[in-house]
Amino acid sequence: MHRRIRLDCDGRTTGEILERLTAEIDRPGELPRLVLHIENAARVNDSLCRLIRQLLALVHEREVKVSIIDPTGCTEVLWEALGGSVHVEVCRREEEISEPLDVLVVEDTPDSLQFLKDLLETAGHQVTTATTGDEAVRLCVARKFDLVLLDLVLPDRDGMSVADAVQFTGNPLIAMSAYLDRWSDEEYRRAGFRSRLRKPFKSAELLSALRR
């Protein structure tokens, strides 16, 4: 159940806008997600950048999930420039608001695996992990995931061969690697990857890729 609010920034200061948001967040009752329809984002009375910075700080402090709808794209540009947030997603239309996904993360580096798991679970997604290509193949054959984040450099086999082995399962794949240029566009197409993320990537880039 989403709680929706329309927020007209025209002539309002950051303080006035955040005061209203804080009152909405603090209203009694469960707040699984707050949907903010931003109007006239570019006409805030001081600085849109300041507004987004303080909004990110507020929702982090309160651990509230917020979806910002801004058809102009102004908020999206600033949100990504500021590094994004697992508590906030920015869309141009309400139809783009994400739903919880069942995600398989295939990554052999422990710190990277834990980072991705924490990031995705904080954003509301269910996460299964694998640290080898063979384990990833077994999991994809055994069940259907909404999305598979697949590192292309694994200890037992490369991610491209994993993608080839699981293509028949229909699991959507996103490639992750610092070495994306090792493979051609045609190889990615044949393996069935829907997109690629070059390491290191920002949290905002990953969360944006989940919605595509």
C-alpha atoms as a PDB file:
ATOM      1  CA  MET A   1       0.000   0.000   0.000  1.00  0.00           C
ATOM      2  CA  HIS A   2       1.580   3.282  -1.122  1.00  0.00           C
ATOM      3  CA  ARG A   3       0.953   6.663   0.477  1.00  0.00           C
ATOM      4  CA  ARG A   4       0.844   9.346  -2.215  1.00  0.00           C
ATOM      5  CA  ILE A   5       1.472  13.054  -1.956  1.00  0.00           C
ATOM      6  CA  ARG A   6       1.705  15.794  -4.575  1.00  0.00           C
ATOM      7  CA  LEU A   7       4.435  18.291  -3.901  1.00  0.00           C
ATOM      8  CA  ASP A   8       4.439  21.604  -5.790  1.00  0.00           C
ATOM      9  CA  CYS A   9       7.915  23.160  -5.471  1.00  0.00           C
ATOM     10  CA  ASP A  10       6.972  26.410  -7.222  1.00  0.00           C
ATOM     11  CA  GLY A  11       8.109  29.255  -4.960  1.00  0.00           C
ATOM     12  CA  ARG A  12       8.659  27.001  -1.931  1.00  0.00           C
ATOM     13  CA  THR A  13      11.924  26.726  -0.005  1.00  0.00           C
ATOM     14  CA  THR A  14      13.687  23.485   0.855  1.00  0.00           C
ATOM     15  CA  GLY A  15      12.727  24.001   4.491  1.00  0.00           C
ATOM     16  CA  GLU A  16       9.023  24.346   3.683  1.00  0.00           C
ATOM     17  CA  ILE A  17       9.035  21.257   1.470  1.00  0.00           C
ATOM     18  CA  LEU A  18      10.906  19.102   3.971  1.00  0.00           C
ATOM     19  CA  GLU A  19       8.634  20.249   6.792  1.00  0.00           C
ATOM     20  CA  ARG A  20       5.654  18.909   4.860  1.00  0.00           C
ATOM     21  CA  LEU A  21       7.472  15.661   4.012  1.00  0.00           C
ATOM     22  CA  THR A  22       8.498  15.128   7.626  1.00  0.00           C
ATOM     23  CA  ALA A  23       4.902  15.603   8.783  1.00  0.00           C
ATOM     24  CA  GLU A  24       3.746  13.060   6.188  1.00  0.00           C
ATOM     25  CA  ILE A  25       6.401  10.513   7.189  1.00  0.00           C
ATOM     26  CA  ASP A  26       5.556  10.959  10.883  1.00  0.00           C
ATOM     27  CA  ARG A  27       1.827  10.425  10.412  1.00  0.00           C
ATOM     28  CA  PRO A  28       0.591   7.422  12.445  1.00  0.00           C
ATOM     29  CA  GLY A  29       0.167   4.142  10.614  1.00  0.00           C
ATOM     30  CA  GLU A  30       2.284   1.873   8.458  1.00  0.00           C
ATOM     31  CA  LEU A  31       4.262   3.567   5.703  1.00  0.00           C
ATOM     32  CA  PRO A  32       5.635   0.872   3.334  1.00  0.00           C
ATOM     33  CA  ARG A  33       6.347   3.403   0.589  1.00  0.00           C
ATOM     34  CA  LEU A  34       5.814   7.123   0.113  1.00  0.00           C
ATOM     35  CA  VAL A  35       5.159   8.188  -3.491  1.00  0.00           C
ATOM     36  CA  LEU A  36       6.041  11.842  -4.105  1.00  0.00           C
ATOM     37  CA  HIS A  37       4.725  13.466  -7.266  1.00  0.00           C
ATOM     38  CA  ILE A  38       7.109  16.390  -7.736  1.00  0.00           C
ATOM     39  CA  GLU A  39       5.706  19.354  -9.653  1.00  0.00           C
ATOM     40  CA  ASN A  40       7.776  22.361 -10.819  1.00  0.00           C
ATOM     41  CA  ALA A  41      10.993  20.806  -9.488  1.00  0.00           C
ATOM     42  CA  ALA A  42      13.166  23.402 -11.220  1.00  0.00           C
ATOM     43  CA  ARG A  43      11.270  26.251  -9.536  1.00  0.00           C
ATOM     44  CA  VAL A  44      12.112  25.477  -5.916  1.00  0.00           C
ATOM     45  CA  ASN A  45      12.860  28.783  -4.173  1.00  0.00           C
ATOM     46  CA  ASP A  46      16.483  28.067  -3.231  1.00  0.00           C
ATOM     47  CA  SER A  47      18.247  25.012  -4.706  1.00  0.00           C
ATOM     48  CA  LEU A  48      16.951  21.721  -6.088  1.00  0.00           C
ATOM     49  CA  CYS A  49      20.326  20.138  -5.335  1.00  0.00           C
ATOM     50  CA  ARG A  50      20.000  21.194  -1.694  1.00  0.00           C
ATOM     51  CA  LEU A  51      16.461  19.803  -1.575  1.00  0.00           C
ATOM     52  CA  ILE A  52      17.525  16.399  -2.925  1.00  0.00           C
ATOM     53  CA  ARG A  53      20.515  16.219  -0.564  1.00  0.00           C
ATOM     54  CA  GLN A  54      18.347  16.919   2.468  1.00  0.00           C
ATOM     55  CA  LEU A  55      15.584  14.605   1.270  1.00  0.00           C
ATOM     56  CA  LEU A  56      18.128  11.750   0.960  1.00  0.00           C
ATOM     57  CA  ALA A  57      19.356  12.491   4.492  1.00  0.00           C
ATOM     58  CA  LEU A  58      15.798  12.501   5.837  1.00  0.00           C
ATOM     59  CA  VAL A  59      14.728   9.184   4.344  1.00  0.00           C
ATOM     60  CA  HIS A  60      18.026   7.545   5.384  1.00  0.00           C
ATOM     61  CA  GLU A  61      17.486   8.706   8.954  1.00  0.00           C
ATOM     62  CA  ARG A  62      13.882   7.468   9.033  1.00  0.00           C
ATOM     63  CA  GLU A  63      14.556   4.373   6.832  1.00  0.00           C
ATOM     64  CA  VAL A  64      11.525   5.156   4.686  1.00  0.00           C
ATOM     65  CA  LYS A  65      11.142   3.908   1.118  1.00  0.00           C
ATOM     66  CA  VAL A  66      10.339   6.813  -1.218  1.00  0.00           C
ATOM     67  CA  SER A  67       9.471   6.841  -4.919  1.00  0.00           C
ATOM     68  CA  ILE A  68       9.819  10.268  -6.527  1.00  0.00           C
ATOM     69  CA  ILE A  69       7.826  10.897  -9.702  1.00  0.00           C
ATOM     70  CA  ASP A  70       9.221  13.825 -11.699  1.00  0.00           C
ATOM     71  CA  PRO A  71       8.251  13.925 -15.408  1.00  0.00           C
ATOM     72  CA  THR A  72      10.859  16.624 -16.132  1.00  0.00           C
ATOM     73  CA  GLY A  73      13.841  14.403 -15.282  1.00  0.00           C
ATOM     74  CA  CYS A  74      15.500  17.172 -13.206  1.00  0.00           C
ATOM     75  CA  THR A  75      15.310  15.185  -9.975  1.00  0.00           C
ATOM     76  CA  GLU A  76      16.639  12.029 -11.640  1.00  0.00           C
ATOM     77  CA  VAL A  77      19.765  13.788 -12.902  1.00  0.00           C
ATOM     78  CA  LEU A  78      20.607  15.216  -9.475  1.00  0.00           C
ATOM     79  CA  TRP A  79      19.754  11.983  -7.634  1.00  0.00           C
ATOM     80  CA  GLU A  80      22.182   9.999  -9.792  1.00  0.00           C
ATOM     81  CA  ALA A  81      24.867  12.707  -9.478  1.00  0.00           C
ATOM     82  CA  LEU A  82      24.588  12.482  -5.685  1.00  0.00           C
ATOM     83  CA  GLY A  83      25.109   8.725  -5.773  1.00  0.00           C
ATOM     84  CA  GLY A  84      21.524   7.590  -5.355  1.00  0.00           C
ATOM     85  CA  SER A  85      20.057   5.820  -2.353  1.00  0.00           C
ATOM     86  CA  VAL A  86      18.600   2.409  -1.628  1.00  0.00           C
ATOM     87  CA  HIS A  87      15.719   4.207   0.093  1.00  0.00           C
ATOM     88  CA  VAL A  88      14.830   6.362  -2.913  1.00  0.00           C
ATOM     89  CA  GLU A  89      13.985   5.649  -6.521  1.00  0.00           C
ATOM     90  CA  VAL A  90      13.272   8.333  -9.099  1.00  0.00           C
ATOM     91  CA  CYS A  91      10.907   7.732 -12.016  1.00  0.00           C
ATOM     92  CA  ARG A  92       9.273   9.829 -14.701  1.00  0.00           C
ATOM     93  CA  ARG A  93       5.941   7.992 -14.472  1.00  0.00           C
ATOM     94  CA  GLU A  94       4.173   6.160 -11.661  1.00  0.00           C
ATOM     95  CA  GLU A  95       4.021   3.045 -13.853  1.00  0.00           C
ATOM     96  CA  GLU A  96       7.828   2.790 -13.468  1.00  0.00           C
ATOM     97  CA  ILE A  97       7.734   2.291  -9.683  1.00  0.00           C
ATOM     98  CA  SER A  98       9.572  -0.936  -8.947  1.00  0.00           C
ATOM     99  CA  GLU A  99       8.099  -3.977  -7.264  1.00  0.00           C
ATOM    100  CA  PRO A 100      10.131  -6.368  -5.057  1.00  0.00           C
ATOM    101  CA  LEU A 101      12.193  -8.763  -7.169  1.00  0.00           C
ATOM    102  CA  ASP A 102      13.602 -12.246  -6.543  1.00  0.00           C
ATOM    103  CA  VAL A 103      17.270 -11.706  -7.491  1.00  0.00           C
ATOM    104  CA  LEU A 104      20.184 -14.127  -7.847  1.00  0.00           C
ATOM    105  CA  VAL A 105      23.574 -12.450  -7.316  1.00  0.00           C
ATOM    106  CA  VAL A 106      26.558 -14.375  -8.688  1.00  0.00           C
ATOM    107  CA  GLU A 107      29.790 -12.887  -7.325  1.00  0.00           C
ATOM    108  CA  ASP A 108      32.916 -14.580  -5.960  1.00  0.00           C
ATOM    109  CA  THR A 109      34.466 -11.623  -4.089  1.00  0.00           C
ATOM    110  CA  PRO A 110      33.086 -11.719  -0.509  1.00  0.00           C
ATOM    111  CA  ASP A 111      33.045  -7.949   0.076  1.00  0.00           C
ATOM    112  CA  SER A 112      31.340  -7.251  -3.267  1.00  0.00           C
ATOM    113  CA  LEU A 113      28.817 -10.023  -2.670  1.00  0.00           C
ATOM    114  CA  GLN A 114      27.905  -8.676   0.771  1.00  0.00           C
ATOM    115  CA  PHE A 115      27.633  -5.120  -0.576  1.00  0.00           C
ATOM    116  CA  LEU A 116      25.247  -6.189  -3.344  1.00  0.00           C
ATOM    117  CA  LYS A 117      23.186  -8.343  -0.976  1.00  0.00           C
ATOM    118  CA  ASP A 118      22.837  -5.539   1.572  1.00  0.00           C
ATOM    119  CA  LEU A 119      22.026  -2.965  -1.108  1.00  0.00           C
ATOM    120  CA  LEU A 120      19.339  -5.054  -2.770  1.00  0.00           C
ATOM    121  CA  GLU A 121      17.723  -6.254   0.460  1.00  0.00           C
ATOM    122  CA  THR A 122      17.593  -2.704   1.815  1.00  0.00           C
ATOM    123  CA  ALA A 123      15.845  -1.700  -1.419  1.00  0.00           C
ATOM    124  CA  GLY A 124      13.191  -4.348  -0.709  1.00  0.00           C
ATOM    125  CA  HIS A 125      14.327  -7.202  -2.958  1.00  0.00           C
ATOM    126  CA  GLN A 126      14.758 -10.893  -2.071  1.00  0.00           C
ATOM    127  CA  VAL A 127      18.334 -12.075  -2.671  1.00  0.00           C
ATOM    128  CA  THR A 128      19.882 -15.493  -3.287  1.00  0.00           C
ATOM    129  CA  THR A 129      23.658 -15.688  -3.699  1.00  0.00           C
ATOM    130  CA  ALA A 130      26.131 -17.899  -5.550  1.00  0.00           C
ATOM    131  CA  THR A 131      29.933 -17.706  -5.610  1.00  0.00           C
ATOM    132  CA  THR A 132      30.743 -20.035  -8.522  1.00  0.00           C
ATOM    133  CA  GLY A 133      29.496 -20.530 -12.062  1.00  0.00           C
ATOM    134  CA  ASP A 134      28.442 -24.123 -11.432  1.00  0.00           C
ATOM    135  CA  GLU A 135      26.387 -23.087  -8.398  1.00  0.00           C
ATOM    136  CA  ALA A 136      24.720 -20.374 -10.471  1.00  0.00           C
ATOM    137  CA  VAL A 137      23.796 -22.880 -13.178  1.00  0.00           C
ATOM    138  CA  ARG A 138      22.292 -25.283 -10.624  1.00  0.00           C
ATOM    139  CA  LEU A 139      20.183 -22.533  -9.066  1.00  0.00           C
ATOM    140  CA  CYS A 140      18.932 -21.172 -12.410  1.00  0.00           C
ATOM    141  CA  VAL A 141      17.950 -24.669 -13.568  1.00  0.00           C
ATOM    142  CA  ALA A 142      16.167 -25.386 -10.280  1.00  0.00           C
ATOM    143  CA  ARG A 143      14.083 -22.198 -10.109  1.00  0.00           C
ATOM    144  CA  LYS A 144      13.065 -19.046 -11.936  1.00  0.00           C
ATOM    145  CA  PHE A 145      14.426 -15.672 -10.803  1.00  0.00           C
ATOM    146  CA  ASP A 146      13.122 -12.248 -11.717  1.00  0.00           C
ATOM    147  CA  LEU A 147      16.725 -11.231 -12.410  1.00  0.00           C
ATOM    148  CA  VAL A 148      20.257 -12.671 -12.305  1.00  0.00           C
ATOM    149  CA  LEU A 149      23.209 -10.335 -11.645  1.00  0.00           C
ATOM    150  CA  LEU A 150      26.119 -12.295 -13.090  1.00  0.00           C
ATOM    151  CA  ASP A 151      29.795 -11.498 -12.564  1.00  0.00           C
ATOM    152  CA  LEU A 152      31.674 -12.450 -15.729  1.00  0.00           C
ATOM    153  CA  VAL A 153      34.930 -13.453 -13.993  1.00  0.00           C
ATOM    154  CA  LEU A 154      34.359 -16.433 -11.695  1.00  0.00           C
ATOM    155  CA  PRO A 155      36.806 -18.952 -10.178  1.00  0.00           C
ATOM    156  CA  ASP A 156      35.564 -22.043 -12.030  1.00  0.00           C
ATOM    157  CA  ARG A 157      34.214 -20.703 -15.331  1.00  0.00           C
ATOM    158  CA  ASP A 158      33.556 -17.354 -16.962  1.00  0.00           C
ATOM    159  CA  GLY A 159      30.139 -15.748 -16.753  1.00  0.00           C
ATOM    160  CA  MET A 160      29.610 -15.954 -20.502  1.00  0.00           C
ATOM    161  CA  SER A 161      29.628 -19.763 -20.356  1.00  0.00           C
ATOM    162  CA  VAL A 162      27.227 -19.607 -17.405  1.00  0.00           C
ATOM    163  CA  ALA A 163      24.883 -17.427 -19.456  1.00  0.00           C
ATOM    164  CA  ASP A 164      25.049 -19.906 -22.355  1.00  0.00           C
ATOM    165  CA  ALA A 165      24.254 -22.797 -19.991  1.00  0.00           C
ATOM    166  CA  VAL A 166      21.178 -21.151 -18.450  1.00  0.00           C
ATOM    167  CA  GLN A 167      19.761 -19.371 -21.481  1.00  0.00           C
ATOM    168  CA  PHE A 168      17.061 -22.011 -21.921  1.00  0.00           C
ATOM    169  CA  THR A 169      15.721 -21.240 -18.406  1.00  0.00           C
ATOM    170  CA  GLY A 170      14.533 -17.784 -19.410  1.00  0.00           C
ATOM    171  CA  ASN A 171      16.145 -16.041 -16.413  1.00  0.00           C
ATOM    172  CA  PRO A 172      16.841 -12.369 -17.289  1.00  0.00           C
ATOM    173  CA  LEU A 173      20.574 -11.628 -17.037  1.00  0.00           C
ATOM    174  CA  ILE A 174      22.634  -8.528 -16.269  1.00  0.00           C
ATOM    175  CA  ALA A 175      26.403  -8.787 -16.756  1.00  0.00           C
ATOM    176  CA  MET A 176      28.771  -7.291 -14.152  1.00  0.00           C
ATOM    177  CA  SER A 177      32.486  -6.854 -14.729  1.00  0.00           C
ATOM    178  CA  ALA A 178      35.381  -4.430 -14.790  1.00  0.00           C
ATOM    179  CA  TYR A 179      36.364  -6.143 -18.061  1.00  0.00           C
ATOM    180  CA  LEU A 180      33.250  -5.830 -20.187  1.00  0.00           C
ATOM    181  CA  ASP A 181      35.356  -5.125 -23.289  1.00  0.00           C
ATOM    182  CA  ARG A 182      36.686  -8.692 -23.328  1.00  0.00           C
ATOM    183  CA  TRP A 183      33.508  -9.715 -25.131  1.00  0.00           C
ATOM    184  CA  SER A 184      31.801  -8.270 -28.190  1.00  0.00           C
ATOM    185  CA  ASP A 185      28.294  -6.869 -28.467  1.00  0.00           C
ATOM    186  CA  GLU A 186      27.384  -9.933 -30.532  1.00  0.00           C
ATOM    187  CA  GLU A 187      28.574 -12.284 -27.776  1.00  0.00           C
ATOM    188  CA  TYR A 188      26.470 -10.457 -25.190  1.00  0.00           C
ATOM    189  CA  ARG A 189      23.468 -10.608 -27.507  1.00  0.00           C
ATOM    190  CA  ARG A 190      23.860 -14.341 -28.167  1.00  0.00           C
ATOM    191  CA  ALA A 191      24.263 -15.071 -24.457  1.00  0.00           C
ATOM    192  CA  GLY A 192      20.990 -13.274 -23.710  1.00  0.00           C
ATOM    193  CA  PHE A 193      22.185 -10.424 -21.466  1.00  0.00           C
ATOM    194  CA  ARG A 194      19.650  -7.620 -21.228  1.00  0.00           C
ATOM    195  CA  SER A 195      22.210  -5.055 -19.993  1.00  0.00           C
ATOM    196  CA  ARG A 196      25.720  -4.620 -18.564  1.00  0.00           C
ATOM    197  CA  LEU A 197      27.167  -2.897 -15.499  1.00  0.00           C
ATOM    198  CA  ARG A 198      30.817  -1.887 -15.514  1.00  0.00           C
ATOM    199  CA  LYS A 199      32.505  -2.253 -12.118  1.00  0.00           C
ATOM    200  CA  PRO A 200      32.810  -0.257 -10.010  1.00  0.00           C
ATOM    201  CA  PHE A 201      29.289   1.086 -10.422  1.00  0.00           C
ATOM    202  CA  LYS A 202      27.205   3.390  -8.259  1.00  0.00           C
ATOM    203  CA  SER A 203      24.229   2.178  -6.268  1.00  0.00           C
ATOM    204  CA  ALA A 204      22.026   4.403  -8.440  1.00  0.00           C
ATOM    205  CA  GLU A 205      23.255   2.654 -11.600  1.00  0.00           C
ATOM    206  CA  LEU A 206      22.374  -0.768 -10.234  1.00  0.00           C
ATOM    207  CA  LEU A 207      18.954   0.229  -8.951  1.00  0.00           C
ATOM    208  CA  SER A 208      18.209   1.912 -12.284  1.00  0.00           C
ATOM    209  CA  ALA A 209      19.252  -1.237 -14.187  1.00  0.00           C
ATOM    210  CA  LEU A 210      16.775  -3.314 -12.171  1.00  0.00           C
ATOM    211  CA  ARG A 211      13.865  -1.315 -13.628  1.00  0.00           C
ATOM    212  CA  ARG A 212      14.813  -1.693 -17.294  1.00  0.00           C
END
